[in-house]
């Protein structure tokens, strides 16, 4: 006979001692109900869309192999705006698959949570269990009011930059759109808001907006250059004027070739290319 083991946290108790613990008593216990799929919604402020090959394949696979034994309850929160409507925090893919198979209602764990708590729950659940991009986590953390994410969002808004919530092909991007959420956050922490904003504006406020050029290596190189030459970083409009004649697409192409030959990161030759340009352009101003 198979031995069934009891569940106990005793073996972990000593390792948990002394750690700051969340206050369980402050949270209302969630309730489990069957809810009509027609009453479920996706909050785009923190949720990702089902777009892209991997996400779409996931829905189709779940639908094809649908089984209640594999269907975990969907985590939802009551809508703050409309009675009888619930926002899906976790389970959008399996709920979509259920709808695809003609199922009308699904088991849901209802949390008592406002927008910030919903976004935090989404980031916590998906960030540790599901393969989720830094862009999606960034959007969730902004919605949750995370200080670092909110600071990055404010810097991006000032510079005319928008971090996409899911991968967008370069050919479909608009001015200022970027996939480099993690790199922008890293540069903000390393160089500060002013340097990051100036670097981003060198891209978005020059030429035709340089679509597709708010790339990690480009932003990293610009921040390094402006931080290394403080007078350039504080040049204001003169800096933007000097970068009007800079060809980002050609510079990026040249830097990639040199990086391949020299076996270094693309940002390394970009620093030199940008520095050379600014030295001449600002001297002539």
C-alpha atoms as a PDB file:
ATOM      1  CA  UNK A   1       0.000   0.000   0.000  1.00  0.00           C
ATOM      2  CA  UNK A   2       1.293   3.433  -0.888  1.00  0.00           C
ATOM      3  CA  UNK A   3       2.366   5.406   2.184  1.00  0.00           C
ATOM      4  CA  UNK A   4       0.573   8.742   2.427  1.00  0.00           C
ATOM      5  CA  UNK A   5       2.648  11.350   4.194  1.00  0.00           C
ATOM      6  CA  UNK A   6       1.213  14.085   6.342  1.00  0.00           C
ATOM      7  CA  UNK A   7       2.023  17.703   5.453  1.00  0.00           C
ATOM      8  CA  UNK A   8       4.026  19.533   8.096  1.00  0.00           C
ATOM      9  CA  UNK A   9       6.192  22.627   8.159  1.00  0.00           C
ATOM     10  CA  UNK A  10       8.067  21.460  11.256  1.00  0.00           C
ATOM     11  CA  UNK A  11      11.318  20.775   9.410  1.00  0.00           C
ATOM     12  CA  UNK A  12      11.385  24.369   8.145  1.00  0.00           C
ATOM     13  CA  UNK A  13      10.412  26.100  11.408  1.00  0.00           C
ATOM     14  CA  UNK A  14      13.950  26.886  12.565  1.00  0.00           C
ATOM     15  CA  UNK A  15      14.916  28.288   9.169  1.00  0.00           C
ATOM     16  CA  UNK A  16      11.934  30.638   9.215  1.00  0.00           C
ATOM     17  CA  UNK A  17      12.629  31.930  12.717  1.00  0.00           C
ATOM     18  CA  UNK A  18      13.776  35.538  12.837  1.00  0.00           C
ATOM     19  CA  UNK A  19      12.531  36.437   9.366  1.00  0.00           C
ATOM     20  CA  UNK A  20      10.004  39.269   8.928  1.00  0.00           C
ATOM     21  CA  UNK A  21       6.644  37.628   8.286  1.00  0.00           C
ATOM     22  CA  UNK A  22       3.534  38.899   6.545  1.00  0.00           C
ATOM     23  CA  UNK A  23       0.466  39.454   8.712  1.00  0.00           C
ATOM     24  CA  UNK A  24      -1.933  36.699   7.676  1.00  0.00           C
ATOM     25  CA  UNK A  25      -4.655  37.920  10.024  1.00  0.00           C
ATOM     26  CA  UNK A  26      -4.960  41.227   8.150  1.00  0.00           C
ATOM     27  CA  UNK A  27      -6.097  39.474   4.992  1.00  0.00           C
ATOM     28  CA  UNK A  28      -9.586  38.093   4.547  1.00  0.00           C
ATOM     29  CA  UNK A  29      -9.582  34.417   3.634  1.00  0.00           C
ATOM     30  CA  UNK A  30     -10.305  33.923  -0.081  1.00  0.00           C
ATOM     31  CA  UNK A  31     -13.476  32.070  -1.078  1.00  0.00           C
ATOM     32  CA  UNK A  32     -13.838  29.358  -3.663  1.00  0.00           C
ATOM     33  CA  UNK A  33     -16.772  29.542  -6.096  1.00  0.00           C
ATOM     34  CA  UNK A  34     -17.715  28.460  -9.579  1.00  0.00           C
ATOM     35  CA  UNK A  35     -18.018  31.632 -11.678  1.00  0.00           C
ATOM     36  CA  UNK A  36     -19.309  32.084 -15.207  1.00  0.00           C
ATOM     37  CA  UNK A  37     -16.511  32.828 -17.671  1.00  0.00           C
ATOM     38  CA  UNK A  38     -18.737  35.599 -19.033  1.00  0.00           C
ATOM     39  CA  UNK A  39     -18.226  37.410 -15.707  1.00  0.00           C
ATOM     40  CA  UNK A  40     -14.430  37.284 -15.841  1.00  0.00           C
ATOM     41  CA  UNK A  41     -12.287  40.119 -17.165  1.00  0.00           C
ATOM     42  CA  UNK A  42      -8.584  40.831 -17.787  1.00  0.00           C
ATOM     43  CA  UNK A  43      -7.202  44.092 -16.378  1.00  0.00           C
ATOM     44  CA  UNK A  44      -4.719  45.381 -18.955  1.00  0.00           C
ATOM     45  CA  UNK A  45      -3.074  47.627 -16.360  1.00  0.00           C
ATOM     46  CA  UNK A  46      -1.118  44.654 -15.067  1.00  0.00           C
ATOM     47  CA  UNK A  47      -2.163  41.592 -17.069  1.00  0.00           C
ATOM     48  CA  UNK A  48      -0.523  40.470 -20.263  1.00  0.00           C
ATOM     49  CA  UNK A  49      -2.391  39.742 -23.465  1.00  0.00           C
ATOM     50  CA  UNK A  50      -2.408  36.269 -24.960  1.00  0.00           C
ATOM     51  CA  UNK A  51      -0.181  37.113 -27.862  1.00  0.00           C
ATOM     52  CA  UNK A  52       2.863  35.419 -29.307  1.00  0.00           C
ATOM     53  CA  UNK A  53       3.580  31.855 -30.303  1.00  0.00           C
ATOM     54  CA  UNK A  54       4.287  30.514 -26.803  1.00  0.00           C
ATOM     55  CA  UNK A  55       1.155  31.990 -25.187  1.00  0.00           C
ATOM     56  CA  UNK A  56      -1.111  30.955 -28.030  1.00  0.00           C
ATOM     57  CA  UNK A  57       0.365  27.447 -28.053  1.00  0.00           C
ATOM     58  CA  UNK A  58      -0.272  27.192 -24.312  1.00  0.00           C
ATOM     59  CA  UNK A  59      -3.986  27.933 -24.751  1.00  0.00           C
ATOM     60  CA  UNK A  60      -4.336  25.463 -27.605  1.00  0.00           C
ATOM     61  CA  UNK A  61      -2.477  22.734 -25.706  1.00  0.00           C
ATOM     62  CA  UNK A  62      -4.629  23.175 -22.592  1.00  0.00           C
ATOM     63  CA  UNK A  63      -7.782  23.121 -24.721  1.00  0.00           C
ATOM     64  CA  UNK A  64      -6.690  20.038 -26.630  1.00  0.00           C
ATOM     65  CA  UNK A  65      -5.785  18.097 -23.486  1.00  0.00           C
ATOM     66  CA  UNK A  66      -8.409  19.674 -21.205  1.00  0.00           C
ATOM     67  CA  UNK A  67      -9.022  17.802 -17.974  1.00  0.00           C
ATOM     68  CA  UNK A  68     -10.481  19.018 -14.700  1.00  0.00           C
ATOM     69  CA  UNK A  69      -7.746  17.082 -12.899  1.00  0.00           C
ATOM     70  CA  UNK A  70      -5.235  19.524 -14.400  1.00  0.00           C
ATOM     71  CA  UNK A  71      -7.330  22.647 -13.890  1.00  0.00           C
ATOM     72  CA  UNK A  72      -6.205  24.702 -10.887  1.00  0.00           C
ATOM     73  CA  UNK A  73      -8.705  27.271  -9.571  1.00  0.00           C
ATOM     74  CA  UNK A  74      -8.469  30.634 -11.277  1.00  0.00           C
ATOM     75  CA  UNK A  75      -7.357  33.422  -8.934  1.00  0.00           C
ATOM     76  CA  UNK A  76      -9.646  36.448  -9.270  1.00  0.00           C
ATOM     77  CA  UNK A  77     -10.602  39.652  -7.476  1.00  0.00           C
ATOM     78  CA  UNK A  78     -13.948  41.407  -7.323  1.00  0.00           C
ATOM     79  CA  UNK A  79     -14.191  44.383  -9.650  1.00  0.00           C
ATOM     80  CA  UNK A  80     -14.169  47.718  -7.863  1.00  0.00           C
ATOM     81  CA  UNK A  81     -16.289  49.262 -10.630  1.00  0.00           C
ATOM     82  CA  UNK A  82     -18.939  46.690 -11.512  1.00  0.00           C
ATOM     83  CA  UNK A  83     -20.905  44.240  -9.389  1.00  0.00           C
ATOM     84  CA  UNK A  84     -20.693  40.598 -10.381  1.00  0.00           C
ATOM     85  CA  UNK A  85     -17.543  41.112 -12.448  1.00  0.00           C
ATOM     86  CA  UNK A  86     -14.151  39.665 -11.506  1.00  0.00           C
ATOM     87  CA  UNK A  87     -10.608  40.464 -12.636  1.00  0.00           C
ATOM     88  CA  UNK A  88      -8.418  37.455 -13.412  1.00  0.00           C
ATOM     89  CA  UNK A  89      -5.125  37.612 -11.518  1.00  0.00           C
ATOM     90  CA  UNK A  90      -3.913  34.153 -12.492  1.00  0.00           C
ATOM     91  CA  UNK A  91      -5.442  31.669 -14.925  1.00  0.00           C
ATOM     92  CA  UNK A  92      -6.140  33.672 -18.079  1.00  0.00           C
ATOM     93  CA  UNK A  93      -4.689  30.957 -20.342  1.00  0.00           C
ATOM     94  CA  UNK A  94      -6.563  28.025 -18.809  1.00  0.00           C
ATOM     95  CA  UNK A  95      -9.802  30.019 -18.639  1.00  0.00           C
ATOM     96  CA  UNK A  96      -9.472  30.936 -22.321  1.00  0.00           C
ATOM     97  CA  UNK A  97      -8.856  27.265 -23.098  1.00  0.00           C
ATOM     98  CA  UNK A  98     -11.963  26.306 -21.103  1.00  0.00           C
ATOM     99  CA  UNK A  99     -14.022  28.831 -23.053  1.00  0.00           C
ATOM    100  CA  UNK A 100     -12.586  27.417 -26.261  1.00  0.00           C
ATOM    101  CA  UNK A 101     -13.919  23.990 -25.261  1.00  0.00           C
ATOM    102  CA  UNK A 102     -17.379  25.405 -24.606  1.00  0.00           C
ATOM    103  CA  UNK A 103     -17.173  25.379 -20.811  1.00  0.00           C
ATOM    104  CA  UNK A 104     -19.377  28.044 -19.228  1.00  0.00           C
ATOM    105  CA  UNK A 105     -18.000  28.372 -15.697  1.00  0.00           C
ATOM    106  CA  UNK A 106     -14.754  27.641 -13.867  1.00  0.00           C
ATOM    107  CA  UNK A 107     -13.680  27.270 -10.218  1.00  0.00           C
ATOM    108  CA  UNK A 108     -12.319  30.554  -8.903  1.00  0.00           C
ATOM    109  CA  UNK A 109     -10.518  31.612  -5.754  1.00  0.00           C
ATOM    110  CA  UNK A 110     -11.857  35.079  -4.967  1.00  0.00           C
ATOM    111  CA  UNK A 111      -9.459  37.472  -3.280  1.00  0.00           C
ATOM    112  CA  UNK A 112     -10.447  40.677  -1.539  1.00  0.00           C
ATOM    113  CA  UNK A 113      -7.879  42.899  -3.256  1.00  0.00           C
ATOM    114  CA  UNK A 114      -7.625  46.364  -4.754  1.00  0.00           C
ATOM    115  CA  UNK A 115      -5.670  47.125  -7.913  1.00  0.00           C
ATOM    116  CA  UNK A 116      -2.271  47.370  -6.185  1.00  0.00           C
ATOM    117  CA  UNK A 117      -2.749  44.063  -4.360  1.00  0.00           C
ATOM    118  CA  UNK A 118      -4.016  42.404  -7.551  1.00  0.00           C
ATOM    119  CA  UNK A 119      -0.935  43.545  -9.476  1.00  0.00           C
ATOM    120  CA  UNK A 120       1.343  42.445  -6.648  1.00  0.00           C
ATOM    121  CA  UNK A 121      -0.314  39.031  -6.590  1.00  0.00           C
ATOM    122  CA  UNK A 122       0.022  38.728 -10.365  1.00  0.00           C
ATOM    123  CA  UNK A 123       3.737  39.585 -10.234  1.00  0.00           C
ATOM    124  CA  UNK A 124       4.350  37.215  -7.314  1.00  0.00           C
ATOM    125  CA  UNK A 125       2.480  34.260  -8.839  1.00  0.00           C
ATOM    126  CA  UNK A 126       3.733  34.632 -12.391  1.00  0.00           C
ATOM    127  CA  UNK A 127       7.201  35.859 -11.545  1.00  0.00           C
ATOM    128  CA  UNK A 128       8.010  32.700  -9.604  1.00  0.00           C
ATOM    129  CA  UNK A 129       5.956  30.089 -11.418  1.00  0.00           C
ATOM    130  CA  UNK A 130       5.281  31.107 -15.022  1.00  0.00           C
ATOM    131  CA  UNK A 131       7.787  32.194 -17.635  1.00  0.00           C
ATOM    132  CA  UNK A 132       6.943  35.880 -17.783  1.00  0.00           C
ATOM    133  CA  UNK A 133       8.869  38.701 -19.379  1.00  0.00           C
ATOM    134  CA  UNK A 134      10.464  41.606 -17.550  1.00  0.00           C
ATOM    135  CA  UNK A 135       8.144  43.871 -19.560  1.00  0.00           C
ATOM    136  CA  UNK A 136       5.041  42.202 -18.138  1.00  0.00           C
ATOM    137  CA  UNK A 137       6.433  42.261 -14.612  1.00  0.00           C
ATOM    138  CA  UNK A 138       7.331  45.940 -15.031  1.00  0.00           C
ATOM    139  CA  UNK A 139       3.744  46.801 -15.997  1.00  0.00           C
ATOM    140  CA  UNK A 140       2.434  44.828 -13.029  1.00  0.00           C
ATOM    141  CA  UNK A 141       4.819  46.549 -10.629  1.00  0.00           C
ATOM    142  CA  UNK A 142       3.893  49.988 -11.925  1.00  0.00           C
ATOM    143  CA  UNK A 143       0.230  49.181 -11.334  1.00  0.00           C
ATOM    144  CA  UNK A 144       1.136  47.930  -7.859  1.00  0.00           C
ATOM    145  CA  UNK A 145       2.887  51.190  -7.042  1.00  0.00           C
ATOM    146  CA  UNK A 146       6.360  49.669  -6.671  1.00  0.00           C
ATOM    147  CA  UNK A 147       8.659  52.696  -6.071  1.00  0.00           C
ATOM    148  CA  UNK A 148      11.430  51.603  -8.471  1.00  0.00           C
ATOM    149  CA  UNK A 149       8.974  50.752 -11.253  1.00  0.00           C
ATOM    150  CA  UNK A 150       7.028  53.997 -10.752  1.00  0.00           C
ATOM    151  CA  UNK A 151      10.293  55.986 -10.864  1.00  0.00           C
ATOM    152  CA  UNK A 152      11.269  54.304 -14.123  1.00  0.00           C
ATOM    153  CA  UNK A 153       7.811  54.932 -15.565  1.00  0.00           C
ATOM    154  CA  UNK A 154       8.043  58.644 -14.722  1.00  0.00           C
ATOM    155  CA  UNK A 155      11.493  58.912 -16.327  1.00  0.00           C
ATOM    156  CA  UNK A 156      10.242  57.155 -19.456  1.00  0.00           C
ATOM    157  CA  UNK A 157       7.197  59.430 -19.725  1.00  0.00           C
ATOM    158  CA  UNK A 158       9.429  62.500 -19.475  1.00  0.00           C
ATOM    159  CA  UNK A 159      11.663  61.157 -22.233  1.00  0.00           C
ATOM    160  CA  UNK A 160       8.833  60.050 -24.522  1.00  0.00           C
ATOM    161  CA  UNK A 161       9.549  56.341 -24.011  1.00  0.00           C
ATOM    162  CA  UNK A 162       7.021  53.548 -23.590  1.00  0.00           C
ATOM    163  CA  UNK A 163       7.964  50.061 -22.385  1.00  0.00           C
ATOM    164  CA  UNK A 164       5.952  47.487 -24.333  1.00  0.00           C
ATOM    165  CA  UNK A 165       3.979  44.954 -22.303  1.00  0.00           C
ATOM    166  CA  UNK A 166       4.779  42.120 -24.691  1.00  0.00           C
ATOM    167  CA  UNK A 167       7.267  41.545 -27.528  1.00  0.00           C
ATOM    168  CA  UNK A 168       6.597  43.760 -30.541  1.00  0.00           C
ATOM    169  CA  UNK A 169       8.432  43.240 -33.850  1.00  0.00           C
ATOM    170  CA  UNK A 170      10.745  46.140 -34.732  1.00  0.00           C
ATOM    171  CA  UNK A 171       8.748  46.702 -37.919  1.00  0.00           C
ATOM    172  CA  UNK A 172       5.603  47.396 -35.866  1.00  0.00           C
ATOM    173  CA  UNK A 173       7.137  49.640 -33.218  1.00  0.00           C
ATOM    174  CA  UNK A 174       6.316  53.300 -32.767  1.00  0.00           C
ATOM    175  CA  UNK A 175       8.577  56.158 -31.701  1.00  0.00           C
ATOM    176  CA  UNK A 176       9.846  55.624 -28.168  1.00  0.00           C
ATOM    177  CA  UNK A 177       8.664  52.041 -27.794  1.00  0.00           C
ATOM    178  CA  UNK A 178      11.143  49.616 -26.258  1.00  0.00           C
ATOM    179  CA  UNK A 179      11.464  46.071 -24.965  1.00  0.00           C
ATOM    180  CA  UNK A 180      14.417  46.931 -22.711  1.00  0.00           C
ATOM    181  CA  UNK A 181      12.601  47.158 -19.362  1.00  0.00           C
ATOM    182  CA  UNK A 182      15.360  45.460 -17.379  1.00  0.00           C
ATOM    183  CA  UNK A 183      18.179  47.484 -18.944  1.00  0.00           C
ATOM    184  CA  UNK A 184      16.400  50.809 -18.421  1.00  0.00           C
ATOM    185  CA  UNK A 185      15.806  49.916 -14.771  1.00  0.00           C
ATOM    186  CA  UNK A 186      19.473  49.010 -14.428  1.00  0.00           C
ATOM    187  CA  UNK A 187      20.642  52.286 -15.972  1.00  0.00           C
ATOM    188  CA  UNK A 188      18.280  54.315 -13.781  1.00  0.00           C
ATOM    189  CA  UNK A 189      19.687  52.660 -10.668  1.00  0.00           C
ATOM    190  CA  UNK A 190      23.275  53.117 -11.832  1.00  0.00           C
ATOM    191  CA  UNK A 191      23.268  56.624 -13.297  1.00  0.00           C
ATOM    192  CA  UNK A 192      20.149  58.313 -11.922  1.00  0.00           C
ATOM    193  CA  UNK A 193      17.077  59.858 -13.500  1.00  0.00           C
ATOM    194  CA  UNK A 194      18.678  62.889 -15.174  1.00  0.00           C
ATOM    195  CA  UNK A 195      21.271  60.877 -17.078  1.00  0.00           C
ATOM    196  CA  UNK A 196      18.746  58.251 -18.174  1.00  0.00           C
ATOM    197  CA  UNK A 197      16.219  60.850 -19.327  1.00  0.00           C
ATOM    198  CA  UNK A 198      18.875  62.759 -21.282  1.00  0.00           C
ATOM    199  CA  UNK A 199      20.089  59.538 -22.882  1.00  0.00           C
ATOM    200  CA  UNK A 200      16.583  58.522 -23.906  1.00  0.00           C
ATOM    201  CA  UNK A 201      15.784  61.987 -25.268  1.00  0.00           C
ATOM    202  CA  UNK A 202      18.898  61.799 -27.442  1.00  0.00           C
ATOM    203  CA  UNK A 203      17.048  58.979 -29.198  1.00  0.00           C
ATOM    204  CA  UNK A 204      13.389  59.998 -29.104  1.00  0.00           C
ATOM    205  CA  UNK A 205      13.788  63.763 -29.664  1.00  0.00           C
ATOM    206  CA  UNK A 206      16.147  63.637 -32.623  1.00  0.00           C
ATOM    207  CA  UNK A 207      15.714  62.879 -36.300  1.00  0.00           C
ATOM    208  CA  UNK A 208      12.447  61.074 -36.952  1.00  0.00           C
ATOM    209  CA  UNK A 209      12.357  59.640 -33.432  1.00  0.00           C
ATOM    210  CA  UNK A 210      14.657  56.728 -34.292  1.00  0.00           C
ATOM    211  CA  UNK A 211      12.026  53.995 -34.104  1.00  0.00           C
ATOM    212  CA  UNK A 212      13.424  50.778 -32.676  1.00  0.00           C
ATOM    213  CA  UNK A 213      16.568  52.384 -31.303  1.00  0.00           C
ATOM    214  CA  UNK A 214      15.635  52.491 -27.629  1.00  0.00           C
ATOM    215  CA  UNK A 215      17.670  49.319 -27.370  1.00  0.00           C
ATOM    216  CA  UNK A 216      19.609  48.076 -24.370  1.00  0.00           C
ATOM    217  CA  UNK A 217      23.124  48.570 -25.865  1.00  0.00           C
ATOM    218  CA  UNK A 218      22.244  52.025 -27.217  1.00  0.00           C
ATOM    219  CA  UNK A 219      20.805  53.268 -23.919  1.00  0.00           C
ATOM    220  CA  UNK A 220      23.698  51.765 -21.980  1.00  0.00           C
ATOM    221  CA  UNK A 221      26.264  53.439 -24.259  1.00  0.00           C
ATOM    222  CA  UNK A 222      24.521  56.828 -24.109  1.00  0.00           C
ATOM    223  CA  UNK A 223      24.295  56.736 -20.317  1.00  0.00           C
ATOM    224  CA  UNK A 224      27.973  55.823 -20.030  1.00  0.00           C
ATOM    225  CA  UNK A 225      28.989  58.673 -22.346  1.00  0.00           C
ATOM    226  CA  UNK A 226      26.849  61.314 -20.604  1.00  0.00           C
ATOM    227  CA  UNK A 227      27.944  60.154 -17.169  1.00  0.00           C
ATOM    228  CA  UNK A 228      31.596  60.193 -18.213  1.00  0.00           C
ATOM    229  CA  UNK A 229      31.321  63.717 -19.655  1.00  0.00           C
ATOM    230  CA  UNK A 230      29.038  65.628 -17.228  1.00  0.00           C
ATOM    231  CA  UNK A 231      29.176  68.828 -19.281  1.00  0.00           C
ATOM    232  CA  UNK A 232      27.617  66.986 -22.214  1.00  0.00           C
ATOM    233  CA  UNK A 233      24.906  65.535 -20.006  1.00  0.00           C
ATOM    234  CA  UNK A 234      24.024  68.992 -18.697  1.00  0.00           C
ATOM    235  CA  UNK A 235      24.113  70.676 -22.107  1.00  0.00           C
ATOM    236  CA  UNK A 236      20.304  70.610 -22.425  1.00  0.00           C
ATOM    237  CA  UNK A 237      19.043  71.639 -25.853  1.00  0.00           C
ATOM    238  CA  UNK A 238      22.610  71.830 -27.140  1.00  0.00           C
ATOM    239  CA  UNK A 239      22.943  68.094 -26.532  1.00  0.00           C
ATOM    240  CA  UNK A 240      19.740  67.329 -28.439  1.00  0.00           C
ATOM    241  CA  UNK A 241      20.818  69.645 -31.275  1.00  0.00           C
ATOM    242  CA  UNK A 242      24.183  67.895 -31.437  1.00  0.00           C
ATOM    243  CA  UNK A 243      22.517  64.490 -31.712  1.00  0.00           C
ATOM    244  CA  UNK A 244      20.185  65.576 -34.532  1.00  0.00           C
ATOM    245  CA  UNK A 245      22.850  64.656 -37.075  1.00  0.00           C
ATOM    246  CA  UNK A 246      23.669  61.308 -35.458  1.00  0.00           C
ATOM    247  CA  UNK A 247      22.568  58.273 -37.461  1.00  0.00           C
ATOM    248  CA  UNK A 248      21.552  55.763 -34.815  1.00  0.00           C
ATOM    249  CA  UNK A 249      20.734  52.974 -37.255  1.00  0.00           C
ATOM    250  CA  UNK A 250      24.081  53.222 -39.038  1.00  0.00           C
ATOM    251  CA  UNK A 251      25.973  53.585 -35.763  1.00  0.00           C
ATOM    252  CA  UNK A 252      24.253  50.498 -34.347  1.00  0.00           C
ATOM    253  CA  UNK A 253      25.052  48.512 -37.476  1.00  0.00           C
ATOM    254  CA  UNK A 254      28.704  49.580 -37.383  1.00  0.00           C
ATOM    255  CA  UNK A 255      28.949  48.838 -33.667  1.00  0.00           C
ATOM    256  CA  UNK A 256      27.543  45.341 -34.120  1.00  0.00           C
ATOM    257  CA  UNK A 257      30.151  44.573 -36.781  1.00  0.00           C
ATOM    258  CA  UNK A 258      32.994  45.879 -34.632  1.00  0.00           C
ATOM    259  CA  UNK A 259      31.667  44.069 -31.570  1.00  0.00           C
ATOM    260  CA  UNK A 260      31.672  40.794 -33.491  1.00  0.00           C
ATOM    261  CA  UNK A 261      35.223  41.350 -34.703  1.00  0.00           C
ATOM    262  CA  UNK A 262      36.539  42.486 -31.321  1.00  0.00           C
ATOM    263  CA  UNK A 263      34.426  40.027 -29.309  1.00  0.00           C
ATOM    264  CA  UNK A 264      32.976  42.664 -27.032  1.00  0.00           C
ATOM    265  CA  UNK A 265      29.470  43.900 -26.242  1.00  0.00           C
ATOM    266  CA  UNK A 266      27.803  46.184 -28.802  1.00  0.00           C
ATOM    267  CA  UNK A 267      27.740  49.005 -26.243  1.00  0.00           C
ATOM    268  CA  UNK A 268      31.567  49.124 -26.168  1.00  0.00           C
ATOM    269  CA  UNK A 269      32.142  50.410 -29.736  1.00  0.00           C
ATOM    270  CA  UNK A 270      28.939  52.472 -29.438  1.00  0.00           C
ATOM    271  CA  UNK A 271      30.471  54.463 -26.575  1.00  0.00           C
ATOM    272  CA  UNK A 272      33.391  55.394 -28.813  1.00  0.00           C
ATOM    273  CA  UNK A 273      31.175  56.205 -31.822  1.00  0.00           C
ATOM    274  CA  UNK A 274      28.849  58.424 -29.764  1.00  0.00           C
ATOM    275  CA  UNK A 275      31.709  60.140 -27.949  1.00  0.00           C
ATOM    276  CA  UNK A 276      33.488  60.951 -31.200  1.00  0.00           C
ATOM    277  CA  UNK A 277      30.314  62.423 -32.655  1.00  0.00           C
ATOM    278  CA  UNK A 278      29.480  64.570 -29.633  1.00  0.00           C
ATOM    279  CA  UNK A 279      33.028  65.847 -29.274  1.00  0.00           C
ATOM    280  CA  UNK A 280      32.894  67.230 -32.812  1.00  0.00           C
ATOM    281  CA  UNK A 281      29.241  68.341 -32.811  1.00  0.00           C
ATOM    282  CA  UNK A 282      29.364  70.199 -29.495  1.00  0.00           C
ATOM    283  CA  UNK A 283      32.699  71.819 -30.340  1.00  0.00           C
ATOM    284  CA  UNK A 284      31.178  73.194 -33.523  1.00  0.00           C
ATOM    285  CA  UNK A 285      28.079  74.488 -31.750  1.00  0.00           C
END
